[in-house]
C-alpha atoms as a PDB file:
ATOM      1  CA  ARG A   1     -29.774  -7.584 -11.901  1.00  0.00           C
ATOM      2  CA  VAL A   2     -30.963  -4.033 -11.328  1.00  0.00           C
ATOM      3  CA  SER A   3     -33.002  -3.329  -8.196  1.00  0.00           C
ATOM      4  CA  THR A   4     -36.661  -2.500  -8.747  1.00  0.00           C
ATOM      5  CA  LEU A   5     -36.308   0.111  -6.010  1.00  0.00           C
ATOM      6  CA  GLY A   6     -34.175   2.307  -8.232  1.00  0.00           C
ATOM      7  CA  ALA A   7     -33.575   5.634  -6.539  1.00  0.00           C
ATOM      8  CA  PHE A   8     -36.225   5.227  -3.839  1.00  0.00           C
ATOM      9  CA  THR A   9     -35.296   6.982  -0.610  1.00  0.00           C
ATOM     10  CA  PHE A  10     -37.373   6.745   2.545  1.00  0.00           C
ATOM     11  CA  ASN A  11     -38.392  10.123   3.998  1.00  0.00           C
ATOM     12  CA  ARG A  12     -38.549   9.761   7.783  1.00  0.00           C
ATOM     13  CA  GLY A  13     -40.210  13.139   8.285  1.00  0.00           C
ATOM     14  CA  ASP A  14     -43.665  11.927   9.284  1.00  0.00           C
ATOM     15  CA  VAL A  15     -42.325   9.171  11.551  1.00  0.00           C
ATOM     16  CA  GLU A  16     -39.129  10.751  12.862  1.00  0.00           C
ATOM     17  CA  ALA A  17     -40.038  10.177  16.515  1.00  0.00           C
ATOM     18  CA  GLU A  18     -40.875   6.535  15.877  1.00  0.00           C
ATOM     19  CA  CYS A  19     -37.645   6.023  13.917  1.00  0.00           C
ATOM     20  CA  ALA A  20     -35.642   7.530  16.770  1.00  0.00           C
ATOM     21  CA  ALA A  21     -37.421   5.354  19.322  1.00  0.00           C
ATOM     22  CA  CYS A  22     -36.849   2.205  17.257  1.00  0.00           C
ATOM     23  CA  GLY A  23     -33.210   3.162  16.780  1.00  0.00           C
ATOM     24  CA  ALA A  24     -32.825   3.509  20.530  1.00  0.00           C
ATOM     25  CA  VAL A  25     -34.284   0.039  21.043  1.00  0.00           C
ATOM     26  CA  MET A  26     -31.871  -1.477  18.544  1.00  0.00           C
ATOM     27  CA  GLU A  27     -28.914   0.446  19.957  1.00  0.00           C
ATOM     28  CA  LYS A  28     -29.716  -1.025  23.366  1.00  0.00           C
ATOM     29  CA  TYR A  29     -29.289  -4.589  22.057  1.00  0.00           C
ATOM     30  CA  THR A  30     -26.869  -4.379  19.108  1.00  0.00           C
ATOM     31  CA  SER A  31     -23.610  -4.685  20.998  1.00  0.00           C
ATOM     32  CA  GLY A  32     -24.773  -7.682  23.000  1.00  0.00           C
ATOM     33  CA  LEU A  33     -26.106  -9.404  19.905  1.00  0.00           C
ATOM     34  CA  LEU A  34     -22.969  -8.759  17.858  1.00  0.00           C
ATOM     35  CA  THR A  35     -20.650  -9.980  20.611  1.00  0.00           C
ATOM     36  CA  GLY A  36     -22.775 -12.987  21.455  1.00  0.00           C
ATOM     37  CA  THR A  37     -23.281 -11.931  25.067  1.00  0.00           C
ATOM     38  CA  LEU A  38     -27.039 -11.888  24.492  1.00  0.00           C
ATOM     39  CA  ASP A  39     -28.918 -14.971  23.382  1.00  0.00           C
ATOM     40  CA  ILE A  40     -31.132 -13.981  20.449  1.00  0.00           C
ATOM     41  CA  ASP A  41     -33.626 -16.698  21.312  1.00  0.00           C
ATOM     42  CA  VAL A  42     -34.066 -15.155  24.740  1.00  0.00           C
ATOM     43  CA  VAL A  43     -34.062 -11.437  23.858  1.00  0.00           C
ATOM     44  CA  LEU A  44     -35.877 -11.482  20.502  1.00  0.00           C
ATOM     45  CA  PRO A  45     -39.372 -11.435  22.034  1.00  0.00           C
ATOM     46  CA  GLU A  46     -38.295  -8.519  24.241  1.00  0.00           C
ATOM     47  CA  ILE A  47     -36.835  -6.625  21.268  1.00  0.00           C
ATOM     48  CA  GLN A  48     -39.998  -7.203  19.256  1.00  0.00           C
ATOM     49  CA  ARG A  49     -42.175  -6.002  22.140  1.00  0.00           C
ATOM     50  CA  GLU A  50     -40.069  -2.874  22.611  1.00  0.00           C
ATOM     51  CA  LEU A  51     -40.131  -2.131  18.870  1.00  0.00           C
ATOM     52  CA  GLN A  52     -43.941  -2.461  18.910  1.00  0.00           C
ATOM     53  CA  ILE A  53     -44.106   0.080  21.716  1.00  0.00           C
ATOM     54  CA  ALA A  54     -41.616   2.347  19.914  1.00  0.00           C
ATOM     55  CA  GLY A  55     -43.823   2.486  16.815  1.00  0.00           C
ATOM     56  CA  ILE A  56     -42.248   0.088  14.319  1.00  0.00           C
ATOM     57  CA  GLU A  57     -45.622  -0.574  12.689  1.00  0.00           C
ATOM     58  CA  ALA A  58     -46.077   3.129  11.935  1.00  0.00           C
ATOM     59  CA  VAL A  59     -42.599   3.241  10.378  1.00  0.00           C
ATOM     60  CA  GLN A  60     -43.312   0.153   8.276  1.00  0.00           C
ATOM     61  CA  ALA A  61     -46.673   1.503   7.132  1.00  0.00           C
ATOM     62  CA  GLU A  62     -45.162   4.848   6.129  1.00  0.00           C
ATOM     63  CA  ALA A  63     -42.288   3.159   4.304  1.00  0.00           C
ATOM     64  CA  GLN A  64     -44.754   0.954   2.415  1.00  0.00           C
ATOM     65  CA  ARG A  65     -46.936   3.960   1.546  1.00  0.00           C
ATOM     66  CA  GLN A  66     -43.946   5.849   0.177  1.00  0.00           C
ATOM     67  CA  LEU A  67     -42.636   2.834  -1.720  1.00  0.00           C
ATOM     68  CA  ASP A  68     -46.027   2.164  -3.289  1.00  0.00           C
ATOM     69  CA  ALA A  69     -46.259   5.799  -4.408  1.00  0.00           C
ATOM     70  CA  TYR A  70     -42.730   5.650  -5.835  1.00  0.00           C
ATOM     71  CA  LEU A  71     -43.375   2.425  -7.722  1.00  0.00           C
ATOM     72  CA  GLU A  72     -46.532   3.901  -9.271  1.00  0.00           C
ATOM     73  CA  THR A  73     -44.375   6.616 -10.857  1.00  0.00           C
ATOM     74  CA  GLN A  74     -42.023   3.987 -12.316  1.00  0.00           C
ATOM     75  CA  GLU A  75     -44.602   2.118 -14.374  1.00  0.00           C
END
């Protein structure tokens, strides 16, 4: 099955700072999560809180805006 996203590519330009901040949050936890030294049930609320502060909602909103605009051109 072919993806409905086609050639869509997210442009981080308007949310570059938020993307960098969210990346830093994830980098902080990735190793511990992948190795099992962090308990996801314990740290997930902390990760979610830090992502909120970092601007994840702005990134999601911009990605959705861009995707909606892209999909309109595909109809």
